[in-house]
């Protein structure tokens, strides 16, 4: 399972879901679904999100065994 800290990083930068979505080129619903764990990002999307936050992918996304 993939856990993420998108919401935490968005709050740190004072970004809305809509703003983050626009920056990385996806719909707001995609960001919402990522935050809720309903959707796993592609590597490119994970990379782009991490770049916006100025951190490594591992600081945003954590993979755990179920």
PDB file of N, CA and C in Angstrom:
ATOM      1  N   UNK A   1       0.839  -1.171   0.000  1.00  0.00           N
ATOM      2  CA  UNK A   1       0.000   0.000   0.000  1.00  0.00           C
ATOM      3  C   UNK A   1       0.889   1.241   0.000  1.00  0.00           C
ATOM      4  N   UNK A   2       0.411   2.279  -0.642  1.00  0.00           N
ATOM      5  CA  UNK A   2       1.151   3.530  -0.684  1.00  0.00           C
ATOM      6  C   UNK A   2       0.448   4.562   0.192  1.00  0.00           C
ATOM      7  N   UNK A   3       1.185   5.084   1.158  1.00  0.00           N
ATOM      8  CA  UNK A   3       0.697   6.173   1.999  1.00  0.00           C
ATOM      9  C   UNK A   3       1.363   7.454   1.517  1.00  0.00           C
ATOM     10  N   UNK A   4       0.695   8.572   1.749  1.00  0.00           N
ATOM     11  CA  UNK A   4       1.303   9.819   1.312  1.00  0.00           C
ATOM     12  C   UNK A   4       1.089  10.929   2.324  1.00  0.00           C
ATOM     13  N   UNK A   5       1.909  11.969   2.160  1.00  0.00           N
ATOM     14  CA  UNK A   5       1.845  13.148   3.018  1.00  0.00           C
ATOM     15  C   UNK A   5       1.557  14.393   2.177  1.00  0.00           C
ATOM     16  N   UNK A   6       0.771  14.221   1.117  1.00  0.00           N
ATOM     17  CA  UNK A   6       0.469  15.336   0.223  1.00  0.00           C
ATOM     18  C   UNK A   6      -0.227  16.458   0.976  1.00  0.00           C
ATOM     19  N   UNK A   7      -1.238  16.120   1.740  1.00  0.00           N
ATOM     20  CA  UNK A   7      -2.013  17.149   2.443  1.00  0.00           C
ATOM     21  C   UNK A   7      -1.116  17.961   3.372  1.00  0.00           C
ATOM     22  N   UNK A   8      -0.232  17.285   4.077  1.00  0.00           N
ATOM     23  CA  UNK A   8       0.691  17.952   4.997  1.00  0.00           C
ATOM     24  C   UNK A   8       1.606  18.920   4.242  1.00  0.00           C
ATOM     25  N   UNK A   9       2.153  18.470   3.123  1.00  0.00           N
ATOM     26  CA  UNK A   9       3.044  19.320   2.339  1.00  0.00           C
ATOM     27  C   UNK A   9       2.278  20.470   1.672  1.00  0.00           C
ATOM     28  N   UNK A  10       1.055  20.209   1.242  1.00  0.00           N
ATOM     29  CA  UNK A  10       0.233  21.290   0.669  1.00  0.00           C
ATOM     30  C   UNK A  10       0.002  22.381   1.704  1.00  0.00           C
ATOM     31  N   UNK A  11      -0.313  21.958   2.931  1.00  0.00           N
ATOM     32  CA  UNK A  11      -0.570  22.918   4.012  1.00  0.00           C
ATOM     33  C   UNK A  11       0.678  23.752   4.303  1.00  0.00           C
ATOM     34  N   UNK A  12       1.828  23.108   4.263  1.00  0.00           N
ATOM     35  CA  UNK A  12       3.090  23.813   4.525  1.00  0.00           C
ATOM     36  C   UNK A  12       3.301  24.933   3.510  1.00  0.00           C
ATOM     37  N   UNK A  13       2.900  24.688   2.260  1.00  0.00           N
ATOM     38  CA  UNK A  13       3.067  25.686   1.200  1.00  0.00           C
ATOM     39  C   UNK A  13       1.811  26.515   0.967  1.00  0.00           C
ATOM     40  N   UNK A  14       0.792  26.262   1.778  1.00  0.00           N
ATOM     41  CA  UNK A  14      -0.484  26.973   1.640  1.00  0.00           C
ATOM     42  C   UNK A  14      -1.061  26.828   0.231  1.00  0.00           C
ATOM     43  N   UNK A  15      -1.038  25.584  -0.284  1.00  0.00           N
ATOM     44  CA  UNK A  15      -1.585  25.285  -1.607  1.00  0.00           C
ATOM     45  C   UNK A  15      -2.908  24.552  -1.465  1.00  0.00           C
ATOM     46  N   UNK A  16      -3.870  24.905  -2.276  1.00  0.00           N
ATOM     47  CA  UNK A  16      -5.126  24.153  -2.322  1.00  0.00           C
ATOM     48  C   UNK A  16      -4.926  22.932  -3.223  1.00  0.00           C
ATOM     49  N   UNK A  17      -5.864  22.009  -3.160  1.00  0.00           N
ATOM     50  CA  UNK A  17      -5.822  20.864  -4.069  1.00  0.00           C
ATOM     51  C   UNK A  17      -5.857  21.348  -5.518  1.00  0.00           C
ATOM     52  N   UNK A  18      -6.693  22.333  -5.773  1.00  0.00           N
ATOM     53  CA  UNK A  18      -6.833  22.891  -7.124  1.00  0.00           C
ATOM     54  C   UNK A  18      -5.515  23.478  -7.621  1.00  0.00           C
ATOM     55  N   UNK A  19      -4.831  24.209  -6.772  1.00  0.00           N
ATOM     56  CA  UNK A  19      -3.559  24.817  -7.175  1.00  0.00           C
ATOM     57  C   UNK A  19      -2.501  23.759  -7.454  1.00  0.00           C
ATOM     58  N   UNK A  20      -2.400  22.765  -6.580  1.00  0.00           N
ATOM     59  CA  UNK A  20      -1.432  21.694  -6.802  1.00  0.00           C
ATOM     60  C   UNK A  20      -1.753  20.949  -8.087  1.00  0.00           C
ATOM     61  N   UNK A  21      -3.028  20.659  -8.289  1.00  0.00           N
ATOM     62  CA  UNK A  21      -3.447  19.950  -9.501  1.00  0.00           C
ATOM     63  C   UNK A  21      -3.055  20.728 -10.755  1.00  0.00           C
ATOM     64  N   UNK A  22      -3.271  22.023 -10.746  1.00  0.00           N
ATOM     65  CA  UNK A  22      -2.942  22.852 -11.907  1.00  0.00           C
ATOM     66  C   UNK A  22      -1.437  22.825 -12.166  1.00  0.00           C
ATOM     67  N   UNK A  23      -0.639  22.913 -11.115  1.00  0.00           N
ATOM     68  CA  UNK A  23       0.819  22.936 -11.256  1.00  0.00           C
ATOM     69  C   UNK A  23       1.336  21.631 -11.850  1.00  0.00           C
ATOM     70  N   UNK A  24       0.790  20.487 -11.403  1.00  0.00           N
ATOM     71  CA  UNK A  24       1.302  19.190 -11.870  1.00  0.00           C
ATOM     72  C   UNK A  24       0.533  18.643 -13.070  1.00  0.00           C
ATOM     73  N   UNK A  25      -0.513  19.354 -13.505  1.00  0.00           N
ATOM     74  CA  UNK A  25      -1.205  18.980 -14.735  1.00  0.00           C
ATOM     75  C   UNK A  25      -2.228  17.867 -14.616  1.00  0.00           C
ATOM     76  N   UNK A  26      -2.919  17.817 -13.465  1.00  0.00           N
ATOM     77  CA  UNK A  26      -3.994  16.833 -13.287  1.00  0.00           C
ATOM     78  C   UNK A  26      -5.236  17.550 -12.783  1.00  0.00           C
ATOM     79  N   UNK A  27      -6.332  16.826 -12.659  1.00  0.00           N
ATOM     80  CA  UNK A  27      -7.565  17.403 -12.112  1.00  0.00           C
ATOM     81  C   UNK A  27      -7.510  17.420 -10.588  1.00  0.00           C
ATOM     82  N   UNK A  28      -8.281  18.314  -9.981  1.00  0.00           N
ATOM     83  CA  UNK A  28      -8.342  18.398  -8.518  1.00  0.00           C
ATOM     84  C   UNK A  28      -8.769  17.072  -7.920  1.00  0.00           C
ATOM     85  N   UNK A  29      -9.684  16.382  -8.596  1.00  0.00           N
ATOM     86  CA  UNK A  29     -10.170  15.092  -8.097  1.00  0.00           C
ATOM     87  C   UNK A  29      -9.037  14.074  -7.979  1.00  0.00           C
ATOM     88  N   UNK A  30      -8.063  14.176  -8.855  1.00  0.00           N
ATOM     89  CA  UNK A  30      -6.911  13.266  -8.781  1.00  0.00           C
ATOM     90  C   UNK A  30      -6.140  13.507  -7.493  1.00  0.00           C
ATOM     91  N   UNK A  31      -5.907  14.765  -7.162  1.00  0.00           N
ATOM     92  CA  UNK A  31      -5.196  15.082  -5.917  1.00  0.00           C
ATOM     93  C   UNK A  31      -6.009  14.607  -4.715  1.00  0.00           C
ATOM     94  N   UNK A  32      -7.309  14.844  -4.743  1.00  0.00           N
ATOM     95  CA  UNK A  32      -8.181  14.400  -3.659  1.00  0.00           C
ATOM     96  C   UNK A  32      -8.104  12.882  -3.497  1.00  0.00           C
ATOM     97  N   UNK A  33      -8.190  12.159  -4.602  1.00  0.00           N
ATOM     98  CA  UNK A  33      -8.133  10.695  -4.542  1.00  0.00           C
ATOM     99  C   UNK A  33      -6.767  10.199  -4.077  1.00  0.00           C
ATOM    100  N   UNK A  34      -5.706  10.886  -4.452  1.00  0.00           N
ATOM    101  CA  UNK A  34      -4.379  10.521  -3.961  1.00  0.00           C
ATOM    102  C   UNK A  34      -4.318  10.680  -2.443  1.00  0.00           C
ATOM    103  N   UNK A  35      -4.794  11.826  -1.964  1.00  0.00           N
ATOM    104  CA  UNK A  35      -4.748  12.088  -0.524  1.00  0.00           C
ATOM    105  C   UNK A  35      -5.560  11.068   0.261  1.00  0.00           C
ATOM    106  N   UNK A  36      -6.655  10.594  -0.301  1.00  0.00           N
ATOM    107  CA  UNK A  36      -7.514   9.624   0.374  1.00  0.00           C
ATOM    108  C   UNK A  36      -7.021   8.186   0.213  1.00  0.00           C
ATOM    109  N   UNK A  37      -5.976   7.985  -0.571  1.00  0.00           N
ATOM    110  CA  UNK A  37      -5.449   6.642  -0.789  1.00  0.00           C
ATOM    111  C   UNK A  37      -6.263   5.820  -1.769  1.00  0.00           C
ATOM    112  N   UNK A  38      -7.110   6.475  -2.559  1.00  0.00           N
ATOM    113  CA  UNK A  38      -7.943   5.768  -3.535  1.00  0.00           C
ATOM    114  C   UNK A  38      -7.241   5.570  -4.875  1.00  0.00           C
ATOM    115  N   UNK A  39      -6.096   6.195  -5.024  1.00  0.00           N
ATOM    116  CA  UNK A  39      -5.404   6.198  -6.303  1.00  0.00           C
ATOM    117  C   UNK A  39      -3.914   6.203  -6.033  1.00  0.00           C
ATOM    118  N   UNK A  40      -3.166   5.387  -6.769  1.00  0.00           N
ATOM    119  CA  UNK A  40      -1.711   5.391  -6.674  1.00  0.00           C
ATOM    120  C   UNK A  40      -1.147   6.163  -7.858  1.00  0.00           C
ATOM    121  N   UNK A  41      -0.233   7.077  -7.608  1.00  0.00           N
ATOM    122  CA  UNK A  41       0.281   7.906  -8.685  1.00  0.00           C
ATOM    123  C   UNK A  41       1.252   7.153  -9.588  1.00  0.00           C
ATOM    124  N   UNK A  42       1.356   7.621 -10.819  1.00  0.00           N
ATOM    125  CA  UNK A  42       2.432   7.135 -11.686  1.00  0.00           C
ATOM    126  C   UNK A  42       3.739   7.679 -11.116  1.00  0.00           C
ATOM    127  N   UNK A  43       4.836   7.117 -11.555  1.00  0.00           N
ATOM    128  CA  UNK A  43       6.134   7.595 -11.098  1.00  0.00           C
ATOM    129  C   UNK A  43       6.339   9.051 -11.506  1.00  0.00           C
ATOM    130  N   UNK A  44       5.910   9.399 -12.696  1.00  0.00           N
ATOM    131  CA  UNK A  44       6.057  10.775 -13.179  1.00  0.00           C
ATOM    132  C   UNK A  44       5.247  11.741 -12.310  1.00  0.00           C
ATOM    133  N   UNK A  45       4.011  11.373 -11.991  1.00  0.00           N
ATOM    134  CA  UNK A  45       3.185  12.242 -11.149  1.00  0.00           C
ATOM    135  C   UNK A  45       3.782  12.363  -9.748  1.00  0.00           C
ATOM    136  N   UNK A  46       4.237  11.260  -9.182  1.00  0.00           N
ATOM    137  CA  UNK A  46       4.864  11.297  -7.859  1.00  0.00           C
ATOM    138  C   UNK A  46       6.091  12.211  -7.879  1.00  0.00           C
ATOM    139  N   UNK A  47       6.888  12.104  -8.929  1.00  0.00           N
ATOM    140  CA  UNK A  47       8.082  12.939  -9.084  1.00  0.00           C
ATOM    141  C   UNK A  47       7.694  14.416  -9.164  1.00  0.00           C
ATOM    142  N   UNK A  48       6.690  14.715  -9.984  1.00  0.00           N
ATOM    143  CA  UNK A  48       6.255  16.104 -10.156  1.00  0.00           C
ATOM    144  C   UNK A  48       5.727  16.700  -8.848  1.00  0.00           C
ATOM    145  N   UNK A  49       4.959  15.924  -8.112  1.00  0.00           N
ATOM    146  CA  UNK A  49       4.431  16.402  -6.832  1.00  0.00           C
ATOM    147  C   UNK A  49       5.578  16.676  -5.858  1.00  0.00           C
ATOM    148  N   UNK A  50       6.514  15.748  -5.771  1.00  0.00           N
ATOM    149  CA  UNK A  50       7.665  15.933  -4.878  1.00  0.00           C
ATOM    150  C   UNK A  50       8.462  17.172  -5.267  1.00  0.00           C
ATOM    151  N   UNK A  51       8.614  17.409  -6.564  1.00  0.00           N
ATOM    152  CA  UNK A  51       9.348  18.588  -7.030  1.00  0.00           C
ATOM    153  C   UNK A  51       8.664  19.877  -6.603  1.00  0.00           C
ATOM    154  N   UNK A  52       7.342  19.917  -6.677  1.00  0.00           N
ATOM    155  CA  UNK A  52       6.594  21.100  -6.239  1.00  0.00           C
ATOM    156  C   UNK A  52       6.879  21.373  -4.763  1.00  0.00           C
ATOM    157  N   UNK A  53       6.932  20.320  -3.966  1.00  0.00           N
ATOM    158  CA  UNK A  53       7.153  20.468  -2.528  1.00  0.00           C
ATOM    159  C   UNK A  53       8.628  20.672  -2.179  1.00  0.00           C
ATOM    160  N   UNK A  54       9.525  20.446  -3.144  1.00  0.00           N
ATOM    161  CA  UNK A  54      10.950  20.615  -2.893  1.00  0.00           C
ATOM    162  C   UNK A  54      11.552  19.540  -2.020  1.00  0.00           C
ATOM    163  N   UNK A  55      10.987  18.328  -2.117  1.00  0.00           N
ATOM    164  CA  UNK A  55      11.460  17.204  -1.308  1.00  0.00           C
ATOM    165  C   UNK A  55      11.623  15.977  -2.193  1.00  0.00           C
ATOM    166  N   UNK A  56      12.166  14.910  -1.636  1.00  0.00           N
ATOM    167  CA  UNK A  56      12.291  13.661  -2.382  1.00  0.00           C
ATOM    168  C   UNK A  56      10.935  12.949  -2.439  1.00  0.00           C
ATOM    169  N   UNK A  57      10.801  12.048  -3.389  1.00  0.00           N
ATOM    170  CA  UNK A  57       9.572  11.256  -3.506  1.00  0.00           C
ATOM    171  C   UNK A  57       9.302  10.509  -2.199  1.00  0.00           C
ATOM    172  N   UNK A  58      10.355  10.005  -1.579  1.00  0.00           N
ATOM    173  CA  UNK A  58      10.203   9.231  -0.350  1.00  0.00           C
ATOM    174  C   UNK A  58       9.656  10.058   0.805  1.00  0.00           C
ATOM    175  N   UNK A  59       9.834  11.368   0.751  1.00  0.00           N
ATOM    176  CA  UNK A  59       9.300  12.223   1.805  1.00  0.00           C
ATOM    177  C   UNK A  59       7.801  12.472   1.629  1.00  0.00           C
ATOM    178  N   UNK A  60       7.289  12.182   0.435  1.00  0.00           N
ATOM    179  CA  UNK A  60       5.860  12.357   0.174  1.00  0.00           C
ATOM    180  C   UNK A  60       5.132  11.008   0.174  1.00  0.00           C
ATOM    181  N   UNK A  61       5.746  10.008  -0.446  1.00  0.00           N
ATOM    182  CA  UNK A  61       5.111   8.698  -0.609  1.00  0.00           C
ATOM    183  C   UNK A  61       5.901   7.615   0.099  1.00  0.00           C
ATOM    184  N   UNK A  62       5.188   6.758   0.835  1.00  0.00           N
ATOM    185  CA  UNK A  62       5.783   5.631   1.535  1.00  0.00           C
ATOM    186  C   UNK A  62       5.078   4.352   1.117  1.00  0.00           C
ATOM    187  N   UNK A  63       5.844   3.371   0.704  1.00  0.00           N
ATOM    188  CA  UNK A  63       5.282   2.079   0.308  1.00  0.00           C
ATOM    189  C   UNK A  63       5.459   1.106   1.468  1.00  0.00           C
ATOM    190  N   UNK A  64       4.353   0.456   1.851  1.00  0.00           N
ATOM    191  CA  UNK A  64       4.402  -0.532   2.918  1.00  0.00           C
ATOM    192  C   UNK A  64       3.808  -1.839   2.429  1.00  0.00           C
ATOM    193  N   UNK A  65       4.229  -2.918   3.030  1.00  0.00           N
ATOM    194  CA  UNK A  65       3.647  -4.220   2.718  1.00  0.00           C
ATOM    195  C   UNK A  65       2.355  -4.371   3.511  1.00  0.00           C
ATOM    196  N   UNK A  66       1.360  -4.944   2.866  1.00  0.00           N
ATOM    197  CA  UNK A  66       0.076  -5.112   3.565  1.00  0.00           C
ATOM    198  C   UNK A  66       0.073  -6.406   4.321  1.00  0.00           C
TER     199      UNK A  66
END
